[in-house]
């Protein structure tokens, strides 16, 4: 699936990236090459190949989900630049 400059610009807009014309052209080539590699991988016969989470065998030890000691509110807020009524004060980022 070829990627053209229009696709790159649409993706950049969604990601709020400002790209130069040279960057758009370069990214179209690079993303097209990545998708080309994916087509090669898609053509491989994976019948009988078990799914895995890592390229090498590794143990994934699990632990019980148990409640443990918690951080006291005052201690958690000790280094906060601003706090109010026991909470961190942060800049508003979402408008309603």
PDB file of N, CA and C in Angstrom:
ATOM      1  N   UNK A   1       0.849  -1.181   0.000  1.00  0.00           N
ATOM      2  CA  UNK A   1       0.000   0.000   0.000  1.00  0.00           C
ATOM      3  C   UNK A   1       0.889   1.235   0.000  1.00  0.00           C
ATOM      4  N   UNK A   2       0.884   1.969  -1.064  1.00  0.00           N
ATOM      5  CA  UNK A   2       1.741   3.163  -1.107  1.00  0.00           C
ATOM      6  C   UNK A   2       1.192   4.283  -0.213  1.00  0.00           C
ATOM      7  N   UNK A   3       2.107   5.019   0.346  1.00  0.00           N
ATOM      8  CA  UNK A   3       1.761   6.183   1.169  1.00  0.00           C
ATOM      9  C   UNK A   3       2.121   7.419   0.346  1.00  0.00           C
ATOM     10  N   UNK A   4       1.174   8.304   0.189  1.00  0.00           N
ATOM     11  CA  UNK A   4       1.488   9.522  -0.556  1.00  0.00           C
ATOM     12  C   UNK A   4       1.555  10.712   0.400  1.00  0.00           C
ATOM     13  N   UNK A   5       1.891  11.840  -0.152  1.00  0.00           N
ATOM     14  CA  UNK A   5       2.062  13.042   0.671  1.00  0.00           C
ATOM     15  C   UNK A   5       0.756  13.450   1.350  1.00  0.00           C
ATOM     16  N   UNK A   6      -0.360  13.184   0.692  1.00  0.00           N
ATOM     17  CA  UNK A   6      -1.667  13.507   1.278  1.00  0.00           C
ATOM     18  C   UNK A   6      -1.871  12.703   2.568  1.00  0.00           C
ATOM     19  N   UNK A   7      -1.500  11.417   2.560  1.00  0.00           N
ATOM     20  CA  UNK A   7      -1.620  10.586   3.764  1.00  0.00           C
ATOM     21  C   UNK A   7      -0.724  11.107   4.882  1.00  0.00           C
ATOM     22  N   UNK A   8       0.487  11.505   4.525  1.00  0.00           N
ATOM     23  CA  UNK A   8       1.424  12.020   5.526  1.00  0.00           C
ATOM     24  C   UNK A   8       0.885  13.313   6.133  1.00  0.00           C
ATOM     25  N   UNK A   9       0.356  14.186   5.306  1.00  0.00           N
ATOM     26  CA  UNK A   9      -0.185  15.454   5.801  1.00  0.00           C
ATOM     27  C   UNK A   9      -1.404  15.224   6.704  1.00  0.00           C
ATOM     28  N   UNK A  10      -2.265  14.266   6.343  1.00  0.00           N
ATOM     29  CA  UNK A  10      -3.435  13.971   7.165  1.00  0.00           C
ATOM     30  C   UNK A  10      -3.003  13.423   8.527  1.00  0.00           C
ATOM     31  N   UNK A  11      -2.010  12.539   8.523  1.00  0.00           N
ATOM     32  CA  UNK A  11      -1.514  11.975   9.777  1.00  0.00           C
ATOM     33  C   UNK A  11      -0.822  13.046  10.616  1.00  0.00           C
ATOM     34  N   UNK A  12      -0.047  13.895   9.970  1.00  0.00           N
ATOM     35  CA  UNK A  12       0.642  14.975  10.679  1.00  0.00           C
ATOM     36  C   UNK A  12      -0.367  15.931  11.312  1.00  0.00           C
ATOM     37  N   UNK A  13      -1.457  16.201  10.612  1.00  0.00           N
ATOM     38  CA  UNK A  13      -2.484  17.080  11.159  1.00  0.00           C
ATOM     39  C   UNK A  13      -3.106  16.459  12.409  1.00  0.00           C
ATOM     40  N   UNK A  14      -3.405  15.152  12.351  1.00  0.00           N
ATOM     41  CA  UNK A  14      -3.980  14.473  13.513  1.00  0.00           C
ATOM     42  C   UNK A  14      -3.026  14.484  14.700  1.00  0.00           C
ATOM     43  N   UNK A  15      -1.722  14.371  14.411  1.00  0.00           N
ATOM     44  CA  UNK A  15      -0.709  14.360  15.468  1.00  0.00           C
ATOM     45  C   UNK A  15      -0.257  15.778  15.827  1.00  0.00           C
ATOM     46  N   UNK A  16      -0.833  16.757  15.169  1.00  0.00           N
ATOM     47  CA  UNK A  16      -0.476  18.158  15.370  1.00  0.00           C
ATOM     48  C   UNK A  16       1.016  18.408  15.155  1.00  0.00           C
ATOM     49  N   UNK A  17       1.518  17.855  14.041  1.00  0.00           N
ATOM     50  CA  UNK A  17       2.916  18.051  13.671  1.00  0.00           C
ATOM     51  C   UNK A  17       3.003  19.034  12.524  1.00  0.00           C
ATOM     52  N   UNK A  18       3.919  19.960  12.616  1.00  0.00           N
ATOM     53  CA  UNK A  18       4.182  20.882  11.518  1.00  0.00           C
ATOM     54  C   UNK A  18       5.379  20.336  10.751  1.00  0.00           C
ATOM     55  N   UNK A  19       5.159  19.929   9.513  1.00  0.00           N
ATOM     56  CA  UNK A  19       6.222  19.339   8.705  1.00  0.00           C
ATOM     57  C   UNK A  19       6.563  20.234   7.525  1.00  0.00           C
ATOM     58  N   UNK A  20       7.837  20.269   7.193  1.00  0.00           N
ATOM     59  CA  UNK A  20       8.254  20.975   5.987  1.00  0.00           C
ATOM     60  C   UNK A  20       7.948  20.091   4.785  1.00  0.00           C
ATOM     61  N   UNK A  21       7.969  20.669   3.612  1.00  0.00           N
ATOM     62  CA  UNK A  21       7.722  19.895   2.384  1.00  0.00           C
ATOM     63  C   UNK A  21       8.737  18.769   2.241  1.00  0.00           C
ATOM     64  N   UNK A  22       9.986  19.045   2.589  1.00  0.00           N
ATOM     65  CA  UNK A  22      11.027  18.009   2.507  1.00  0.00           C
ATOM     66  C   UNK A  22      10.733  16.868   3.478  1.00  0.00           C
ATOM     67  N   UNK A  23      10.257  17.188   4.669  1.00  0.00           N
ATOM     68  CA  UNK A  23       9.921  16.160   5.653  1.00  0.00           C
ATOM     69  C   UNK A  23       8.739  15.314   5.183  1.00  0.00           C
ATOM     70  N   UNK A  24       7.750  15.962   4.578  1.00  0.00           N
ATOM     71  CA  UNK A  24       6.588  15.237   4.058  1.00  0.00           C
ATOM     72  C   UNK A  24       7.029  14.242   2.996  1.00  0.00           C
ATOM     73  N   UNK A  25       7.872  14.680   2.073  1.00  0.00           N
ATOM     74  CA  UNK A  25       8.358  13.789   1.014  1.00  0.00           C
ATOM     75  C   UNK A  25       9.173  12.639   1.595  1.00  0.00           C
ATOM     76  N   UNK A  26      10.058  12.932   2.533  1.00  0.00           N
ATOM     77  CA  UNK A  26      10.894  11.900   3.150  1.00  0.00           C
ATOM     78  C   UNK A  26      10.038  10.888   3.910  1.00  0.00           C
ATOM     79  N   UNK A  27       9.068  11.382   4.685  1.00  0.00           N
ATOM     80  CA  UNK A  27       8.213  10.486   5.450  1.00  0.00           C
ATOM     81  C   UNK A  27       7.342   9.621   4.548  1.00  0.00           C
ATOM     82  N   UNK A  28       6.890  10.174   3.424  1.00  0.00           N
ATOM     83  CA  UNK A  28       6.109   9.374   2.479  1.00  0.00           C
ATOM     84  C   UNK A  28       6.949   8.213   1.963  1.00  0.00           C
ATOM     85  N   UNK A  29       8.208   8.467   1.628  1.00  0.00           N
ATOM     86  CA  UNK A  29       9.108   7.393   1.165  1.00  0.00           C
ATOM     87  C   UNK A  29       9.361   6.371   2.275  1.00  0.00           C
ATOM     88  N   UNK A  30       9.697   6.862   3.476  1.00  0.00           N
ATOM     89  CA  UNK A  30      10.041   5.963   4.582  1.00  0.00           C
ATOM     90  C   UNK A  30       8.845   5.127   5.032  1.00  0.00           C
ATOM     91  N   UNK A  31       7.680   5.754   5.152  1.00  0.00           N
ATOM     92  CA  UNK A  31       6.498   4.997   5.558  1.00  0.00           C
ATOM     93  C   UNK A  31       6.077   4.003   4.483  1.00  0.00           C
ATOM     94  N   UNK A  32       6.246   4.382   3.229  1.00  0.00           N
ATOM     95  CA  UNK A  32       5.966   3.455   2.131  1.00  0.00           C
ATOM     96  C   UNK A  32       6.888   2.248   2.188  1.00  0.00           C
ATOM     97  N   UNK A  33       8.156   2.471   2.523  1.00  0.00           N
ATOM     98  CA  UNK A  33       9.115   1.366   2.637  1.00  0.00           C
ATOM     99  C   UNK A  33       8.742   0.449   3.804  1.00  0.00           C
ATOM    100  N   UNK A  34       8.309   1.029   4.909  1.00  0.00           N
ATOM    101  CA  UNK A  34       7.895   0.219   6.063  1.00  0.00           C
ATOM    102  C   UNK A  34       6.716  -0.666   5.681  1.00  0.00           C
ATOM    103  N   UNK A  35       5.723  -0.084   5.003  1.00  0.00           N
ATOM    104  CA  UNK A  35       4.573  -0.884   4.589  1.00  0.00           C
ATOM    105  C   UNK A  35       4.970  -1.936   3.563  1.00  0.00           C
ATOM    106  N   UNK A  36       5.965  -1.647   2.747  1.00  0.00           N
ATOM    107  CA  UNK A  36       6.485  -2.644   1.814  1.00  0.00           C
ATOM    108  C   UNK A  36       7.068  -3.833   2.556  1.00  0.00           C
ATOM    109  N   UNK A  37       7.788  -3.569   3.636  1.00  0.00           N
ATOM    110  CA  UNK A  37       8.338  -4.646   4.461  1.00  0.00           C
ATOM    111  C   UNK A  37       7.212  -5.456   5.108  1.00  0.00           C
ATOM    112  N   UNK A  38       6.144  -4.780   5.505  1.00  0.00           N
ATOM    113  CA  UNK A  38       5.010  -5.488   6.096  1.00  0.00           C
ATOM    114  C   UNK A  38       4.374  -6.432   5.074  1.00  0.00           C
ATOM    115  N   UNK A  39       4.327  -6.040   3.814  1.00  0.00           N
ATOM    116  CA  UNK A  39       3.806  -6.922   2.769  1.00  0.00           C
ATOM    117  C   UNK A  39       4.665  -8.166   2.631  1.00  0.00           C
ATOM    118  N   UNK A  40       5.981  -8.013   2.746  1.00  0.00           N
ATOM    119  CA  UNK A  40       6.889  -9.161   2.689  1.00  0.00           C
ATOM    120  C   UNK A  40       6.608 -10.098   3.859  1.00  0.00           C
ATOM    121  N   UNK A  41       6.447  -9.538   5.054  1.00  0.00           N
ATOM    122  CA  UNK A  41       6.156 -10.351   6.234  1.00  0.00           C
ATOM    123  C   UNK A  41       4.800 -11.041   6.117  1.00  0.00           C
ATOM    124  N   UNK A  42       3.820 -10.335   5.551  1.00  0.00           N
ATOM    125  CA  UNK A  42       2.487 -10.902   5.404  1.00  0.00           C
ATOM    126  C   UNK A  42       2.520 -12.131   4.491  1.00  0.00           C
ATOM    127  N   UNK A  43       3.436 -12.166   3.548  1.00  0.00           N
ATOM    128  CA  UNK A  43       3.529 -13.270   2.600  1.00  0.00           C
ATOM    129  C   UNK A  43       4.185 -14.514   3.209  1.00  0.00           C
ATOM    130  N   UNK A  44       4.816 -14.392   4.364  1.00  0.00           N
ATOM    131  CA  UNK A  44       5.490 -15.535   4.987  1.00  0.00           C
ATOM    132  C   UNK A  44       4.480 -16.545   5.518  1.00  0.00           C
ATOM    133  N   UNK A  45       4.839 -17.828   5.423  1.00  0.00           N
ATOM    134  CA  UNK A  45       4.010 -18.897   5.967  1.00  0.00           C
ATOM    135  C   UNK A  45       4.287 -19.006   7.459  1.00  0.00           C
ATOM    136  N   UNK A  46       3.299 -18.684   8.266  1.00  0.00           N
ATOM    137  CA  UNK A  46       3.459 -18.743   9.723  1.00  0.00           C
ATOM    138  C   UNK A  46       2.647 -19.888  10.328  1.00  0.00           C
ATOM    139  N   UNK A  47       2.220 -20.803   9.490  1.00  0.00           N
ATOM    140  CA  UNK A  47       1.468 -21.964   9.980  1.00  0.00           C
ATOM    141  C   UNK A  47       2.319 -22.740  10.982  1.00  0.00           C
ATOM    142  N   UNK A  48       1.777 -22.989  12.153  1.00  0.00           N
ATOM    143  CA  UNK A  48       2.492 -23.753  13.164  1.00  0.00           C
ATOM    144  C   UNK A  48       3.438 -22.933  14.028  1.00  0.00           C
ATOM    145  N   UNK A  49       3.542 -21.642  13.766  1.00  0.00           N
ATOM    146  CA  UNK A  49       4.413 -20.784  14.574  1.00  0.00           C
ATOM    147  C   UNK A  49       3.589 -20.252  15.740  1.00  0.00           C
ATOM    148  N   UNK A  50       4.049 -20.530  16.947  1.00  0.00           N
ATOM    149  CA  UNK A  50       3.309 -20.096  18.126  1.00  0.00           C
ATOM    150  C   UNK A  50       3.462 -18.593  18.347  1.00  0.00           C
ATOM    151  N   UNK A  51       2.387 -17.923  18.774  1.00  0.00           N
ATOM    152  CA  UNK A  51       2.508 -16.502  19.108  1.00  0.00           C
ATOM    153  C   UNK A  51       3.447 -16.319  20.293  1.00  0.00           C
ATOM    154  N   UNK A  52       4.135 -15.191  20.340  1.00  0.00           N
ATOM    155  CA  UNK A  52       5.045 -14.926  21.451  1.00  0.00           C
ATOM    156  C   UNK A  52       5.061 -13.447  21.775  1.00  0.00           C
ATOM    157  N   UNK A  53       5.503 -13.139  22.976  1.00  0.00           N
ATOM    158  CA  UNK A  53       5.585 -11.745  23.398  1.00  0.00           C
ATOM    159  C   UNK A  53       6.995 -11.192  23.269  1.00  0.00           C
ATOM    160  N   UNK A  54       8.003 -12.091  23.179  1.00  0.00           N
ATOM    161  CA  UNK A  54       9.402 -11.680  23.076  1.00  0.00           C
ATOM    162  C   UNK A  54      10.101 -12.558  22.048  1.00  0.00           C
ATOM    163  N   UNK A  55      11.170 -12.070  21.490  1.00  0.00           N
ATOM    164  CA  UNK A  55      11.922 -12.842  20.495  1.00  0.00           C
ATOM    165  C   UNK A  55      12.696 -13.991  21.126  1.00  0.00           C
ATOM    166  N   UNK A  56      12.969 -13.906  22.415  1.00  0.00           N
ATOM    167  CA  UNK A  56      13.672 -14.979  23.124  1.00  0.00           C
ATOM    168  C   UNK A  56      12.798 -15.418  24.294  1.00  0.00           C
ATOM    169  N   UNK A  57      12.891 -16.687  24.681  1.00  0.00           N
ATOM    170  CA  UNK A  57      12.064 -17.131  25.813  1.00  0.00           C
ATOM    171  C   UNK A  57      12.389 -16.336  27.073  1.00  0.00           C
ATOM    172  N   UNK A  58      11.359 -15.937  27.760  1.00  0.00           N
ATOM    173  CA  UNK A  58      11.538 -15.187  28.997  1.00  0.00           C
ATOM    174  C   UNK A  58      10.396 -15.509  29.944  1.00  0.00           C
ATOM    175  N   UNK A  59      10.709 -15.566  31.217  1.00  0.00           N
ATOM    176  CA  UNK A  59       9.685 -15.839  32.220  1.00  0.00           C
ATOM    177  C   UNK A  59       8.929 -14.553  32.520  1.00  0.00           C
ATOM    178  N   UNK A  60       7.646 -14.673  32.654  1.00  0.00           N
ATOM    179  CA  UNK A  60       6.820 -13.518  32.999  1.00  0.00           C
ATOM    180  C   UNK A  60       6.169 -13.797  34.351  1.00  0.00           C
ATOM    181  N   UNK A  61       6.940 -13.637  35.420  1.00  0.00           N
ATOM    182  CA  UNK A  61       6.376 -13.969  36.736  1.00  0.00           C
ATOM    183  C   UNK A  61       5.245 -13.018  37.105  1.00  0.00           C
ATOM    184  N   UNK A  62       4.234 -13.590  37.696  1.00  0.00           N
ATOM    185  CA  UNK A  62       3.099 -12.788  38.138  1.00  0.00           C
ATOM    186  C   UNK A  62       3.077 -12.770  39.659  1.00  0.00           C
ATOM    187  N   UNK A  63       2.536 -11.742  40.224  1.00  0.00           N
ATOM    188  CA  UNK A  63       2.396 -11.675  41.672  1.00  0.00           C
ATOM    189  C   UNK A  63       0.938 -11.436  41.997  1.00  0.00           C
ATOM    190  N   UNK A  64       0.599 -11.754  43.194  1.00  0.00           N
ATOM    191  CA  UNK A  64      -0.774 -11.526  43.639  1.00  0.00           C
ATOM    192  C   UNK A  64      -1.038 -10.015  43.698  1.00  0.00           C
ATOM    193  N   UNK A  65      -2.232  -9.634  43.351  1.00  0.00           N
ATOM    194  CA  UNK A  65      -2.627  -8.228  43.405  1.00  0.00           C
ATOM    195  C   UNK A  65      -3.176  -7.953  44.802  1.00  0.00           C
ATOM    196  N   UNK A  66      -2.294  -7.480  45.663  1.00  0.00           N
ATOM    197  CA  UNK A  66      -2.666  -7.250  47.047  1.00  0.00           C
ATOM    198  C   UNK A  66      -2.435  -5.792  47.420  1.00  0.00           C
ATOM    199  N   UNK A  67      -3.276  -5.290  48.289  1.00  0.00           N
ATOM    200  CA  UNK A  67      -3.125  -3.912  48.769  1.00  0.00           C
ATOM    201  C   UNK A  67      -1.928  -3.860  49.707  1.00  0.00           C
ATOM    202  N   UNK A  68      -1.066  -2.877  49.488  1.00  0.00           N
ATOM    203  CA  UNK A  68       0.106  -2.707  50.335  1.00  0.00           C
ATOM    204  C   UNK A  68       0.116  -1.329  50.950  1.00  0.00           C
ATOM    205  N   UNK A  69       1.232  -0.958  51.527  1.00  0.00           N
ATOM    206  CA  UNK A  69       1.324   0.371  52.140  1.00  0.00           C
ATOM    207  C   UNK A  69       1.146   1.465  51.083  1.00  0.00           C
ATOM    208  N   UNK A  70       0.492   2.529  51.455  1.00  0.00           N
ATOM    209  CA  UNK A  70       0.279   3.642  50.539  1.00  0.00           C
ATOM    210  C   UNK A  70       1.039   4.871  51.024  1.00  0.00           C
ATOM    211  N   UNK A  71       1.225   5.802  50.118  1.00  0.00           N
ATOM    212  CA  UNK A  71       1.931   7.031  50.430  1.00  0.00           C
ATOM    213  C   UNK A  71       0.956   8.013  51.084  1.00  0.00           C
ATOM    214  N   UNK A  72       1.354   8.591  52.175  1.00  0.00           N
ATOM    215  CA  UNK A  72       0.506   9.557  52.865  1.00  0.00           C
ATOM    216  C   UNK A  72       0.335  10.797  51.995  1.00  0.00           C
ATOM    217  N   UNK A  73      -0.837  11.404  52.065  1.00  0.00           N
ATOM    218  CA  UNK A  73      -1.154  12.557  51.239  1.00  0.00           C
ATOM    219  C   UNK A  73      -0.149  13.690  51.416  1.00  0.00           C
ATOM    220  N   UNK A  74       0.181  14.030  52.647  1.00  0.00           N
ATOM    221  CA  UNK A  74       1.123  15.121  52.903  1.00  0.00           C
ATOM    222  C   UNK A  74       2.489  14.832  52.288  1.00  0.00           C
ATOM    223  N   UNK A  75       2.924  13.593  52.394  1.00  0.00           N
ATOM    224  CA  UNK A  75       4.233  13.222  51.843  1.00  0.00           C
ATOM    225  C   UNK A  75       4.210  13.261  50.312  1.00  0.00           C
ATOM    226  N   UNK A  76       3.095  12.824  49.721  1.00  0.00           N
ATOM    227  CA  UNK A  76       2.963  12.848  48.263  1.00  0.00           C
ATOM    228  C   UNK A  76       2.995  14.281  47.740  1.00  0.00           C
ATOM    229  N   UNK A  77       2.400  15.193  48.470  1.00  0.00           N
ATOM    230  CA  UNK A  77       2.314  16.592  48.042  1.00  0.00           C
ATOM    231  C   UNK A  77       3.501  17.437  48.477  1.00  0.00           C
ATOM    232  N   UNK A  78       4.430  16.846  49.216  1.00  0.00           N
ATOM    233  CA  UNK A  78       5.538  17.613  49.798  1.00  0.00           C
ATOM    234  C   UNK A  78       6.335  18.390  48.754  1.00  0.00           C
ATOM    235  N   UNK A  79       6.556  17.826  47.590  1.00  0.00           N
ATOM    236  CA  UNK A  79       7.360  18.512  46.573  1.00  0.00           C
ATOM    237  C   UNK A  79       6.541  19.221  45.521  1.00  0.00           C
ATOM    238  N   UNK A  80       5.236  19.293  45.705  1.00  0.00           N
ATOM    239  CA  UNK A  80       4.367  19.916  44.706  1.00  0.00           C
ATOM    240  C   UNK A  80       4.587  21.425  44.656  1.00  0.00           C
ATOM    241  N   UNK A  81       4.767  21.980  43.464  1.00  0.00           N
ATOM    242  CA  UNK A  81       4.937  23.431  43.363  1.00  0.00           C
ATOM    243  C   UNK A  81       3.687  24.178  43.816  1.00  0.00           C
ATOM    244  N   UNK A  82       2.498  23.584  43.539  1.00  0.00           N
ATOM    245  CA  UNK A  82       1.247  24.197  43.979  1.00  0.00           C
ATOM    246  C   UNK A  82       0.321  23.088  44.457  1.00  0.00           C
ATOM    247  N   UNK A  83      -0.414  23.364  45.518  1.00  0.00           N
ATOM    248  CA  UNK A  83      -1.397  22.410  46.008  1.00  0.00           C
ATOM    249  C   UNK A  83      -2.545  23.168  46.644  1.00  0.00           C
ATOM    250  N   UNK A  84      -3.686  22.501  46.678  1.00  0.00           N
ATOM    251  CA  UNK A  84      -4.874  23.146  47.232  1.00  0.00           C
ATOM    252  C   UNK A  84      -5.822  22.067  47.744  1.00  0.00           C
ATOM    253  N   UNK A  85      -6.251  22.183  48.972  1.00  0.00           N
ATOM    254  CA  UNK A  85      -7.204  21.250  49.589  1.00  0.00           C
ATOM    255  C   UNK A  85      -6.769  19.788  49.464  1.00  0.00           C
ATOM    256  N   UNK A  86      -5.459  19.548  49.598  1.00  0.00           N
ATOM    257  CA  UNK A  86      -4.968  18.178  49.559  1.00  0.00           C
ATOM    258  C   UNK A  86      -4.775  17.600  48.170  1.00  0.00           C
ATOM    259  N   UNK A  87      -4.786  18.448  47.144  1.00  0.00           N
ATOM    260  CA  UNK A  87      -4.614  17.996  45.767  1.00  0.00           C
ATOM    261  C   UNK A  87      -3.515  18.793  45.072  1.00  0.00           C
ATOM    262  N   UNK A  88      -2.934  18.208  44.001  1.00  0.00           N
ATOM    263  CA  UNK A  88      -1.996  18.919  43.156  1.00  0.00           C
ATOM    264  C   UNK A  88      -2.759  19.955  42.355  1.00  0.00           C
ATOM    265  N   UNK A  89      -2.180  21.134  42.162  1.00  0.00           N
ATOM    266  CA  UNK A  89      -2.760  22.145  41.275  1.00  0.00           C
ATOM    267  C   UNK A  89      -1.944  22.112  39.997  1.00  0.00           C
ATOM    268  N   UNK A  90      -2.646  21.864  38.883  1.00  0.00           N
ATOM    269  CA  UNK A  90      -1.989  21.761  37.577  1.00  0.00           C
ATOM    270  C   UNK A  90      -2.717  22.663  36.581  1.00  0.00           C
ATOM    271  N   UNK A  91      -2.048  23.045  35.503  1.00  0.00           N
ATOM    272  CA  UNK A  91      -2.718  23.889  34.504  1.00  0.00           C
ATOM    273  C   UNK A  91      -3.896  23.155  33.854  1.00  0.00           C
ATOM    274  N   UNK A  92      -4.945  23.883  33.568  1.00  0.00           N
ATOM    275  CA  UNK A  92      -6.101  23.312  32.900  1.00  0.00           C
ATOM    276  C   UNK A  92      -5.740  23.049  31.441  1.00  0.00           C
ATOM    277  N   UNK A  93      -6.039  21.815  30.980  1.00  0.00           N
ATOM    278  CA  UNK A  93      -5.699  21.477  29.595  1.00  0.00           C
ATOM    279  C   UNK A  93      -6.915  21.131  28.766  1.00  0.00           C
ATOM    280  N   UNK A  94      -8.059  20.918  29.390  1.00  0.00           N
ATOM    281  CA  UNK A  94      -9.274  20.555  28.669  1.00  0.00           C
ATOM    282  C   UNK A  94     -10.321  21.615  28.933  1.00  0.00           C
ATOM    283  N   UNK A  95     -10.861  22.161  27.854  1.00  0.00           N
ATOM    284  CA  UNK A  95     -11.911  23.161  27.973  1.00  0.00           C
ATOM    285  C   UNK A  95     -13.268  22.451  27.921  1.00  0.00           C
ATOM    286  N   UNK A  96     -14.233  22.961  28.659  1.00  0.00           N
ATOM    287  CA  UNK A  96     -15.580  22.374  28.623  1.00  0.00           C
ATOM    288  C   UNK A  96     -16.534  23.284  27.929  1.00  0.00           C
TER     289      UNK A  96
END
